[in-house]
PDB file of N, CA and C in Angstrom:
ATOM      1  N   UNK A   1     -33.055 -76.175  40.429  1.00  0.00           N
ATOM      2  CA  UNK A   1     -33.179 -75.021  41.265  1.00  0.00           C
ATOM      3  C   UNK A   1     -34.618 -74.932  41.775  1.00  0.00           C
ATOM      4  N   UNK A   2     -34.782 -74.617  43.062  1.00  0.00           N
ATOM      5  CA  UNK A   2     -36.122 -74.535  43.620  1.00  0.00           C
ATOM      6  C   UNK A   2     -36.825 -73.266  43.137  1.00  0.00           C
ATOM      7  N   UNK A   3     -38.142 -73.281  43.246  1.00  0.00           N
ATOM      8  CA  UNK A   3     -38.927 -72.148  42.758  1.00  0.00           C
ATOM      9  C   UNK A   3     -38.635 -70.891  43.579  1.00  0.00           C
ATOM     10  N   UNK A   4     -38.490 -71.036  44.900  1.00  0.00           N
ATOM     11  CA  UNK A   4     -38.222 -69.872  45.738  1.00  0.00           C
ATOM     12  C   UNK A   4     -36.835 -69.291  45.439  1.00  0.00           C
ATOM     13  N   UNK A   5     -35.868 -70.162  45.166  1.00  0.00           N
ATOM     14  CA  UNK A   5     -34.528 -69.692  44.802  1.00  0.00           C
ATOM     15  C   UNK A   5     -34.587 -68.889  43.504  1.00  0.00           C
ATOM     16  N   UNK A   6     -35.407 -69.306  42.574  1.00  0.00           N
ATOM     17  CA  UNK A   6     -35.570 -68.594  41.304  1.00  0.00           C
ATOM     18  C   UNK A   6     -36.195 -67.210  41.534  1.00  0.00           C
ATOM     19  N   UNK A   7     -37.149 -67.118  42.479  1.00  0.00           N
ATOM     20  CA  UNK A   7     -37.769 -65.828  42.781  1.00  0.00           C
ATOM     21  C   UNK A   7     -36.757 -64.861  43.383  1.00  0.00           C
ATOM     22  N   UNK A   8     -35.884 -65.368  44.256  1.00  0.00           N
ATOM     23  CA  UNK A   8     -34.854 -64.513  44.850  1.00  0.00           C
ATOM     24  C   UNK A   8     -33.759 -64.175  43.844  1.00  0.00           C
ATOM     25  N   UNK A   9     -33.608 -64.953  42.791  1.00  0.00           N
ATOM     26  CA  UNK A   9     -32.668 -64.606  41.727  1.00  0.00           C
ATOM     27  C   UNK A   9     -33.194 -63.395  40.955  1.00  0.00           C
ATOM     28  N   UNK A  10     -34.513 -63.315  40.809  1.00  0.00           N
ATOM     29  CA  UNK A  10     -35.125 -62.177  40.116  1.00  0.00           C
ATOM     30  C   UNK A  10     -35.074 -60.926  40.999  1.00  0.00           C
ATOM     31  N   UNK A  11     -35.537 -61.027  42.248  1.00  0.00           N
ATOM     32  CA  UNK A  11     -35.509 -59.896  43.187  1.00  0.00           C
ATOM     33  C   UNK A  11     -34.239 -60.006  44.018  1.00  0.00           C
ATOM     34  N   UNK A  12     -33.260 -59.180  43.753  1.00  0.00           N
ATOM     35  CA  UNK A  12     -31.976 -59.297  44.452  1.00  0.00           C
ATOM     36  C   UNK A  12     -32.008 -58.682  45.838  1.00  0.00           C
ATOM     37  N   UNK A  13     -32.454 -57.431  45.927  1.00  0.00           N
ATOM     38  CA  UNK A  13     -32.485 -56.763  47.229  1.00  0.00           C
ATOM     39  C   UNK A  13     -33.380 -55.537  47.145  1.00  0.00           C
ATOM     40  N   UNK A  14     -33.943 -55.107  48.282  1.00  0.00           N
ATOM     41  CA  UNK A  14     -34.693 -53.850  48.280  1.00  0.00           C
ATOM     42  C   UNK A  14     -33.719 -52.673  48.286  1.00  0.00           C
ATOM     43  N   UNK A  15     -34.120 -51.581  47.691  1.00  0.00           N
ATOM     44  CA  UNK A  15     -33.317 -50.359  47.708  1.00  0.00           C
ATOM     45  C   UNK A  15     -33.982 -49.405  48.695  1.00  0.00           C
ATOM     46  N   UNK A  16     -33.260 -49.088  49.766  1.00  0.00           N
ATOM     47  CA  UNK A  16     -33.805 -48.237  50.820  1.00  0.00           C
ATOM     48  C   UNK A  16     -33.002 -46.939  50.847  1.00  0.00           C
ATOM     49  N   UNK A  17     -33.557 -45.915  50.227  1.00  0.00           N
ATOM     50  CA  UNK A  17     -32.968 -44.579  50.218  1.00  0.00           C
ATOM     51  C   UNK A  17     -34.057 -43.588  50.603  1.00  0.00           C
ATOM     52  N   UNK A  18     -33.677 -42.337  50.810  1.00  0.00           N
ATOM     53  CA  UNK A  18     -34.680 -41.324  51.137  1.00  0.00           C
ATOM     54  C   UNK A  18     -35.708 -41.202  50.016  1.00  0.00           C
ATOM     55  N   UNK A  19     -35.237 -41.235  48.785  1.00  0.00           N
ATOM     56  CA  UNK A  19     -36.137 -41.096  47.635  1.00  0.00           C
ATOM     57  C   UNK A  19     -37.100 -42.279  47.545  1.00  0.00           C
ATOM     58  N   UNK A  20     -36.604 -43.497  47.744  1.00  0.00           N
ATOM     59  CA  UNK A  20     -37.487 -44.662  47.648  1.00  0.00           C
ATOM     60  C   UNK A  20     -38.472 -44.704  48.816  1.00  0.00           C
ATOM     61  N   UNK A  21     -38.059 -44.234  49.992  1.00  0.00           N
ATOM     62  CA  UNK A  21     -38.972 -44.212  51.136  1.00  0.00           C
ATOM     63  C   UNK A  21     -40.087 -43.184  50.949  1.00  0.00           C
ATOM     64  N   UNK A  22     -39.800 -42.084  50.253  1.00  0.00           N
ATOM     65  CA  UNK A  22     -40.865 -41.124  49.929  1.00  0.00           C
ATOM     66  C   UNK A  22     -41.923 -41.768  49.045  1.00  0.00           C
ATOM     67  N   UNK A  23     -41.492 -42.590  48.089  1.00  0.00           N
ATOM     68  CA  UNK A  23     -42.435 -43.302  47.231  1.00  0.00           C
ATOM     69  C   UNK A  23     -43.273 -44.290  48.015  1.00  0.00           C
ATOM     70  N   UNK A  24     -42.664 -44.906  49.024  1.00  0.00           N
ATOM     71  CA  UNK A  24     -43.389 -45.850  49.867  1.00  0.00           C
ATOM     72  C   UNK A  24     -44.463 -45.131  50.667  1.00  0.00           C
ATOM     73  N   UNK A  25     -44.114 -43.989  51.251  1.00  0.00           N
ATOM     74  CA  UNK A  25     -45.060 -43.255  52.091  1.00  0.00           C
ATOM     75  C   UNK A  25     -46.203 -42.642  51.282  1.00  0.00           C
ATOM     76  N   UNK A  26     -45.887 -42.064  50.120  1.00  0.00           N
ATOM     77  CA  UNK A  26     -46.901 -41.330  49.364  1.00  0.00           C
ATOM     78  C   UNK A  26     -47.712 -42.203  48.413  1.00  0.00           C
ATOM     79  N   UNK A  27     -47.050 -43.110  47.700  1.00  0.00           N
ATOM     80  CA  UNK A  27     -47.715 -43.828  46.610  1.00  0.00           C
ATOM     81  C   UNK A  27     -47.762 -45.335  46.782  1.00  0.00           C
ATOM     82  N   UNK A  28     -47.351 -45.840  47.936  1.00  0.00           N
ATOM     83  CA  UNK A  28     -47.335 -47.286  48.180  1.00  0.00           C
ATOM     84  C   UNK A  28     -46.456 -48.003  47.150  1.00  0.00           C
ATOM     85  N   UNK A  29     -45.262 -47.427  46.888  1.00  0.00           N
ATOM     86  CA  UNK A  29     -44.314 -47.984  45.926  1.00  0.00           C
ATOM     87  C   UNK A  29     -43.081 -48.496  46.658  1.00  0.00           C
ATOM     88  N   UNK A  30     -42.545 -49.601  46.182  1.00  0.00           N
ATOM     89  CA  UNK A  30     -41.333 -50.188  46.746  1.00  0.00           C
ATOM     90  C   UNK A  30     -40.329 -50.382  45.621  1.00  0.00           C
ATOM     91  N   UNK A  31     -39.052 -50.124  45.918  1.00  0.00           N
ATOM     92  CA  UNK A  31     -38.001 -50.195  44.910  1.00  0.00           C
ATOM     93  C   UNK A  31     -37.090 -51.377  45.203  1.00  0.00           C
ATOM     94  N   UNK A  32     -36.788 -52.160  44.164  1.00  0.00           N
ATOM     95  CA  UNK A  32     -35.926 -53.334  44.280  1.00  0.00           C
ATOM     96  C   UNK A  32     -34.843 -53.288  43.221  1.00  0.00           C
ATOM     97  N   UNK A  33     -33.687 -53.851  43.556  1.00  0.00           N
ATOM     98  CA  UNK A  33     -32.703 -54.162  42.521  1.00  0.00           C
ATOM     99  C   UNK A  33     -33.072 -55.543  42.013  1.00  0.00           C
ATOM    100  N   UNK A  34     -33.174 -55.681  40.703  1.00  0.00           N
ATOM    101  CA  UNK A  34     -33.617 -56.940  40.107  1.00  0.00           C
ATOM    102  C   UNK A  34     -32.582 -57.432  39.107  1.00  0.00           C
ATOM    103  N   UNK A  35     -32.747 -58.652  38.674  1.00  0.00           N
ATOM    104  CA  UNK A  35     -31.869 -59.231  37.664  1.00  0.00           C
ATOM    105  C   UNK A  35     -31.987 -58.439  36.365  1.00  0.00           C
ATOM    106  N   UNK A  36     -30.868 -58.256  35.677  1.00  0.00           N
ATOM    107  CA  UNK A  36     -30.849 -57.456  34.452  1.00  0.00           C
ATOM    108  C   UNK A  36     -31.732 -58.068  33.370  1.00  0.00           C
ATOM    109  N   UNK A  37     -31.860 -59.383  33.352  1.00  0.00           N
ATOM    110  CA  UNK A  37     -32.654 -60.035  32.308  1.00  0.00           C
ATOM    111  C   UNK A  37     -34.099 -60.312  32.726  1.00  0.00           C
ATOM    112  N   UNK A  38     -34.540 -59.797  33.880  1.00  0.00           N
ATOM    113  CA  UNK A  38     -35.908 -60.027  34.353  1.00  0.00           C
ATOM    114  C   UNK A  38     -36.885 -59.103  33.628  1.00  0.00           C
ATOM    115  N   UNK A  39     -38.040 -59.649  33.256  1.00  0.00           N
ATOM    116  CA  UNK A  39     -39.082 -58.842  32.611  1.00  0.00           C
ATOM    117  C   UNK A  39     -40.046 -58.310  33.678  1.00  0.00           C
ATOM    118  N   UNK A  40     -40.896 -57.372  33.285  1.00  0.00           N
ATOM    119  CA  UNK A  40     -41.867 -56.809  34.216  1.00  0.00           C
ATOM    120  C   UNK A  40     -42.836 -57.878  34.725  1.00  0.00           C
ATOM    121  N   UNK A  41     -43.219 -58.797  33.850  1.00  0.00           N
ATOM    122  CA  UNK A  41     -44.135 -59.864  34.250  1.00  0.00           C
ATOM    123  C   UNK A  41     -43.482 -60.782  35.285  1.00  0.00           C
ATOM    124  N   UNK A  42     -42.206 -61.095  35.111  1.00  0.00           N
ATOM    125  CA  UNK A  42     -41.496 -61.940  36.077  1.00  0.00           C
ATOM    126  C   UNK A  42     -41.344 -61.227  37.417  1.00  0.00           C
ATOM    127  N   UNK A  43     -41.075 -59.937  37.390  1.00  0.00           N
ATOM    128  CA  UNK A  43     -40.933 -59.162  38.626  1.00  0.00           C
ATOM    129  C   UNK A  43     -42.260 -59.121  39.364  1.00  0.00           C
ATOM    130  N   UNK A  44     -43.353 -58.876  38.635  1.00  0.00           N
ATOM    131  CA  UNK A  44     -44.690 -58.852  39.247  1.00  0.00           C
ATOM    132  C   UNK A  44     -45.010 -60.191  39.913  1.00  0.00           C
ATOM    133  N   UNK A  45     -44.763 -61.292  39.208  1.00  0.00           N
ATOM    134  CA  UNK A  45     -45.058 -62.619  39.750  1.00  0.00           C
ATOM    135  C   UNK A  45     -44.202 -62.913  40.979  1.00  0.00           C
ATOM    136  N   UNK A  46     -42.933 -62.515  40.954  1.00  0.00           N
ATOM    137  CA  UNK A  46     -42.040 -62.779  42.082  1.00  0.00           C
ATOM    138  C   UNK A  46     -42.499 -62.033  43.332  1.00  0.00           C
ATOM    139  N   UNK A  47     -42.867 -60.765  43.200  1.00  0.00           N
ATOM    140  CA  UNK A  47     -43.323 -59.982  44.356  1.00  0.00           C
ATOM    141  C   UNK A  47     -44.627 -60.556  44.896  1.00  0.00           C
ATOM    142  N   UNK A  48     -45.555 -60.902  44.010  1.00  0.00           N
ATOM    143  CA  UNK A  48     -46.836 -61.445  44.462  1.00  0.00           C
ATOM    144  C   UNK A  48     -46.665 -62.776  45.179  1.00  0.00           C
ATOM    145  N   UNK A  49     -45.783 -63.652  44.686  1.00  0.00           N
ATOM    146  CA  UNK A  49     -45.595 -64.960  45.318  1.00  0.00           C
ATOM    147  C   UNK A  49     -44.804 -64.870  46.615  1.00  0.00           C
ATOM    148  N   UNK A  50     -43.762 -64.048  46.650  1.00  0.00           N
ATOM    149  CA  UNK A  50     -42.922 -63.966  47.845  1.00  0.00           C
ATOM    150  C   UNK A  50     -43.617 -63.264  49.005  1.00  0.00           C
ATOM    151  N   UNK A  51     -44.353 -62.191  48.721  1.00  0.00           N
ATOM    152  CA  UNK A  51     -44.914 -61.371  49.784  1.00  0.00           C
ATOM    153  C   UNK A  51     -46.424 -61.499  49.934  1.00  0.00           C
ATOM    154  N   UNK A  52     -47.096 -62.177  49.017  1.00  0.00           N
ATOM    155  CA  UNK A  52     -48.537 -62.375  49.121  1.00  0.00           C
ATOM    156  C   UNK A  52     -49.336 -61.081  49.003  1.00  0.00           C
ATOM    157  N   UNK A  53     -48.947 -60.208  48.083  1.00  0.00           N
ATOM    158  CA  UNK A  53     -49.642 -58.937  47.866  1.00  0.00           C
ATOM    159  C   UNK A  53     -50.061 -58.838  46.405  1.00  0.00           C
ATOM    160  N   UNK A  54     -50.913 -57.847  46.109  1.00  0.00           N
ATOM    161  CA  UNK A  54     -51.355 -57.633  44.731  1.00  0.00           C
ATOM    162  C   UNK A  54     -50.623 -56.423  44.149  1.00  0.00           C
ATOM    163  N   UNK A  55     -49.952 -56.634  43.031  1.00  0.00           N
ATOM    164  CA  UNK A  55     -49.172 -55.580  42.384  1.00  0.00           C
ATOM    165  C   UNK A  55     -50.035 -54.879  41.340  1.00  0.00           C
ATOM    166  N   UNK A  56     -50.061 -53.544  41.388  1.00  0.00           N
ATOM    167  CA  UNK A  56     -50.809 -52.757  40.406  1.00  0.00           C
ATOM    168  C   UNK A  56     -49.950 -52.472  39.184  1.00  0.00           C
ATOM    169  N   UNK A  57     -48.702 -52.025  39.399  1.00  0.00           N
ATOM    170  CA  UNK A  57     -47.844 -51.686  38.265  1.00  0.00           C
ATOM    171  C   UNK A  57     -46.380 -51.927  38.605  1.00  0.00           C
ATOM    172  N   UNK A  58     -45.582 -52.107  37.553  1.00  0.00           N
ATOM    173  CA  UNK A  58     -44.135 -52.280  37.677  1.00  0.00           C
ATOM    174  C   UNK A  58     -43.474 -51.350  36.667  1.00  0.00           C
ATOM    175  N   UNK A  59     -42.558 -50.529  37.149  1.00  0.00           N
ATOM    176  CA  UNK A  59     -41.761 -49.662  36.279  1.00  0.00           C
ATOM    177  C   UNK A  59     -40.305 -50.050  36.470  1.00  0.00           C
ATOM    178  N   UNK A  60     -39.556 -50.125  35.383  1.00  0.00           N
ATOM    179  CA  UNK A  60     -38.155 -50.528  35.479  1.00  0.00           C
ATOM    180  C   UNK A  60     -37.255 -49.460  34.874  1.00  0.00           C
ATOM    181  N   UNK A  61     -36.018 -49.453  35.337  1.00  0.00           N
ATOM    182  CA  UNK A  61     -34.992 -48.588  34.752  1.00  0.00           C
ATOM    183  C   UNK A  61     -33.666 -49.330  34.758  1.00  0.00           C
ATOM    184  N   UNK A  62     -32.965 -49.238  33.636  1.00  0.00           N
ATOM    185  CA  UNK A  62     -31.663 -49.875  33.488  1.00  0.00           C
ATOM    186  C   UNK A  62     -30.579 -48.868  33.821  1.00  0.00           C
ATOM    187  N   UNK A  63     -29.585 -49.326  34.568  1.00  0.00           N
ATOM    188  CA  UNK A  63     -28.455 -48.469  34.926  1.00  0.00           C
ATOM    189  C   UNK A  63     -27.192 -49.092  34.365  1.00  0.00           C
ATOM    190  N   UNK A  64     -26.534 -48.381  33.466  1.00  0.00           N
ATOM    191  CA  UNK A  64     -25.292 -48.878  32.897  1.00  0.00           C
ATOM    192  C   UNK A  64     -24.187 -48.811  33.943  1.00  0.00           C
ATOM    193  N   UNK A  65     -23.257 -49.761  33.859  1.00  0.00           N
ATOM    194  CA  UNK A  65     -22.121 -49.759  34.769  1.00  0.00           C
ATOM    195  C   UNK A  65     -21.188 -48.596  34.475  1.00  0.00           C
ATOM    196  N   UNK A  66     -20.640 -48.005  35.525  1.00  0.00           N
ATOM    197  CA  UNK A  66     -19.734 -46.873  35.355  1.00  0.00           C
ATOM    198  C   UNK A  66     -18.373 -47.352  34.869  1.00  0.00           C
ATOM    199  N   UNK A  67     -17.719 -46.507  34.093  1.00  0.00           N
ATOM    200  CA  UNK A  67     -16.363 -46.802  33.631  1.00  0.00           C
ATOM    201  C   UNK A  67     -15.399 -46.392  34.736  1.00  0.00           C
ATOM    202  N   UNK A  68     -14.492 -47.291  35.105  1.00  0.00           N
ATOM    203  CA  UNK A  68     -13.498 -47.032  36.146  1.00  0.00           C
ATOM    204  C   UNK A  68     -12.118 -47.329  35.597  1.00  0.00           C
ATOM    205  N   UNK A  69     -11.134 -46.606  36.117  1.00  0.00           N
ATOM    206  CA  UNK A  69      -9.755 -46.792  35.676  1.00  0.00           C
ATOM    207  C   UNK A  69      -8.896 -47.198  36.864  1.00  0.00           C
ATOM    208  N   UNK A  70      -7.904 -48.010  36.578  1.00  0.00           N
ATOM    209  CA  UNK A  70      -6.872 -48.359  37.541  1.00  0.00           C
ATOM    210  C   UNK A  70      -5.555 -48.163  36.803  1.00  0.00           C
ATOM    211  N   UNK A  71      -4.956 -47.002  36.993  1.00  0.00           N
ATOM    212  CA  UNK A  71      -3.768 -46.668  36.222  1.00  0.00           C
ATOM    213  C   UNK A  71      -4.137 -46.472  34.764  1.00  0.00           C
ATOM    214  N   UNK A  72      -3.492 -47.221  33.904  1.00  0.00           N
ATOM    215  CA  UNK A  72      -3.795 -47.089  32.475  1.00  0.00           C
ATOM    216  C   UNK A  72      -4.829 -48.099  32.000  1.00  0.00           C
ATOM    217  N   UNK A  73      -5.315 -48.921  32.889  1.00  0.00           N
ATOM    218  CA  UNK A  73      -6.307 -49.936  32.526  1.00  0.00           C
ATOM    219  C   UNK A  73      -7.709 -49.419  32.815  1.00  0.00           C
ATOM    220  N   UNK A  74      -8.593 -49.673  31.883  1.00  0.00           N
ATOM    221  CA  UNK A  74      -9.961 -49.208  32.008  1.00  0.00           C
ATOM    222  C   UNK A  74     -10.895 -50.401  32.090  1.00  0.00           C
ATOM    223  N   UNK A  75     -11.864 -50.319  32.978  1.00  0.00           N
ATOM    224  CA  UNK A  75     -12.846 -51.388  33.114  1.00  0.00           C
ATOM    225  C   UNK A  75     -14.223 -50.796  33.324  1.00  0.00           C
ATOM    226  N   UNK A  76     -15.199 -51.646  33.451  1.00  0.00           N
ATOM    227  CA  UNK A  76     -16.571 -51.193  33.639  1.00  0.00           C
ATOM    228  C   UNK A  76     -17.201 -51.993  34.773  1.00  0.00           C
ATOM    229  N   UNK A  77     -17.891 -51.272  35.650  1.00  0.00           N
ATOM    230  CA  UNK A  77     -18.641 -51.947  36.706  1.00  0.00           C
ATOM    231  C   UNK A  77     -19.867 -52.621  36.099  1.00  0.00           C
ATOM    232  N   UNK A  78     -20.433 -53.536  36.838  1.00  0.00           N
ATOM    233  CA  UNK A  78     -21.587 -54.277  36.339  1.00  0.00           C
ATOM    234  C   UNK A  78     -22.802 -53.365  36.179  1.00  0.00           C
ATOM    235  N   UNK A  79     -23.590 -53.639  35.159  1.00  0.00           N
ATOM    236  CA  UNK A  79     -24.849 -52.926  34.961  1.00  0.00           C
ATOM    237  C   UNK A  79     -25.879 -53.481  35.943  1.00  0.00           C
ATOM    238  N   UNK A  80     -26.905 -52.691  36.233  1.00  0.00           N
ATOM    239  CA  UNK A  80     -27.949 -53.149  37.145  1.00  0.00           C
ATOM    240  C   UNK A  80     -29.306 -52.678  36.633  1.00  0.00           C
ATOM    241  N   UNK A  81     -30.341 -53.209  37.233  1.00  0.00           N
ATOM    242  CA  UNK A  81     -31.702 -52.854  36.850  1.00  0.00           C
ATOM    243  C   UNK A  81     -32.498 -52.645  38.127  1.00  0.00           C
ATOM    244  N   UNK A  82     -33.313 -51.595  38.146  1.00  0.00           N
ATOM    245  CA  UNK A  82     -34.163 -51.311  39.290  1.00  0.00           C
ATOM    246  C   UNK A  82     -35.621 -51.417  38.869  1.00  0.00           C
ATOM    247  N   UNK A  83     -36.442 -51.862  39.803  1.00  0.00           N
ATOM    248  CA  UNK A  83     -37.876 -51.957  39.550  1.00  0.00           C
ATOM    249  C   UNK A  83     -38.625 -51.229  40.660  1.00  0.00           C
ATOM    250  N   UNK A  84     -39.571 -50.387  40.271  1.00  0.00           N
ATOM    251  CA  UNK A  84     -40.447 -49.712  41.220  1.00  0.00           C
ATOM    252  C   UNK A  84     -41.799 -50.406  41.125  1.00  0.00           C
ATOM    253  N   UNK A  85     -42.203 -51.040  42.224  1.00  0.00           N
ATOM    254  CA  UNK A  85     -43.415 -51.856  42.263  1.00  0.00           C
ATOM    255  C   UNK A  85     -44.472 -51.117  43.078  1.00  0.00           C
ATOM    256  N   UNK A  86     -45.635 -50.904  42.483  1.00  0.00           N
ATOM    257  CA  UNK A  86     -46.736 -50.242  43.186  1.00  0.00           C
ATOM    258  C   UNK A  86     -47.750 -51.296  43.617  1.00  0.00           C
ATOM    259  N   UNK A  87     -48.113 -51.251  44.904  1.00  0.00           N
ATOM    260  CA  UNK A  87     -49.041 -52.233  45.466  1.00  0.00           C
ATOM    261  C   UNK A  87     -50.452 -51.662  45.549  1.00  0.00           C
ATOM    262  N   UNK A  88     -51.412 -52.572  45.680  1.00  0.00           N
ATOM    263  CA  UNK A  88     -52.812 -52.197  45.842  1.00  0.00           C
ATOM    264  C   UNK A  88     -52.964 -51.405  47.139  1.00  0.00           C
ATOM    265  N   UNK A  89     -53.878 -50.453  47.138  1.00  0.00           N
ATOM    266  CA  UNK A  89     -54.112 -49.598  48.295  1.00  0.00           C
ATOM    267  C   UNK A  89     -54.419 -50.442  49.537  1.00  0.00           C
ATOM    268  N   UNK A  90     -53.782 -50.113  50.647  1.00  0.00           N
ATOM    269  CA  UNK A  90     -54.005 -50.823  51.900  1.00  0.00           C
ATOM    270  C   UNK A  90     -53.051 -51.974  52.137  1.00  0.00           C
ATOM    271  N   UNK A  91     -52.263 -52.363  51.142  1.00  0.00           N
ATOM    272  CA  UNK A  91     -51.303 -53.450  51.311  1.00  0.00           C
ATOM    273  C   UNK A  91     -49.903 -52.877  51.479  1.00  0.00           C
ATOM    274  N   UNK A  92     -49.048 -53.646  52.162  1.00  0.00           N
ATOM    275  CA  UNK A  92     -47.667 -53.207  52.345  1.00  0.00           C
ATOM    276  C   UNK A  92     -46.779 -54.429  52.486  1.00  0.00           C
ATOM    277  N   UNK A  93     -45.480 -54.196  52.398  1.00  0.00           N
ATOM    278  CA  UNK A  93     -44.499 -55.259  52.594  1.00  0.00           C
ATOM    279  C   UNK A  93     -43.976 -55.145  54.017  1.00  0.00           C
ATOM    280  N   UNK A  94     -44.315 -56.104  54.855  1.00  0.00           N
ATOM    281  CA  UNK A  94     -43.958 -56.048  56.271  1.00  0.00           C
ATOM    282  C   UNK A  94     -42.451 -56.042  56.479  1.00  0.00           C
ATOM    283  N   UNK A  95     -41.713 -56.690  55.600  1.00  0.00           N
ATOM    284  CA  UNK A  95     -40.253 -56.760  55.732  1.00  0.00           C
ATOM    285  C   UNK A  95     -39.635 -55.366  55.686  1.00  0.00           C
ATOM    286  N   UNK A  96     -40.161 -54.484  54.859  1.00  0.00           N
ATOM    287  CA  UNK A  96     -39.572 -53.156  54.685  1.00  0.00           C
ATOM    288  C   UNK A  96     -40.176 -52.096  55.593  1.00  0.00           C
ATOM    289  N   UNK A  97     -41.182 -52.427  56.349  1.00  0.00           N
ATOM    290  CA  UNK A  97     -41.831 -51.449  57.220  1.00  0.00           C
ATOM    291  C   UNK A  97     -41.091 -51.263  58.534  1.00  0.00           C
ATOM    292  N   UNK A  98     -40.193 -52.163  58.878  1.00  0.00           N
ATOM    293  CA  UNK A  98     -39.522 -52.112  60.184  1.00  0.00           C
ATOM    294  C   UNK A  98     -38.409 -51.123  60.209  1.00  0.00           C
TER     295      UNK A  98
END
């Protein structure tokens, strides 16, 4: 597996909601959905290598999958993990600014 493919395995997608955009405007924070088994150090390295910026801090939160029913059968949706990445003052991610 190539190194860039591994970085995209860690950072799955950006989360663009009203709440996450407020963090971007006020605190220079960006929110990503990340791999459940990714550590804060791996997330920091992936953002720095992919976007060429300096990361100040990484905060993560785990979200358990919701329980869903189909008739009498019960299942669970996949769990996910979110990371809030704070960048150095004056830097931004051009991909998410558009």
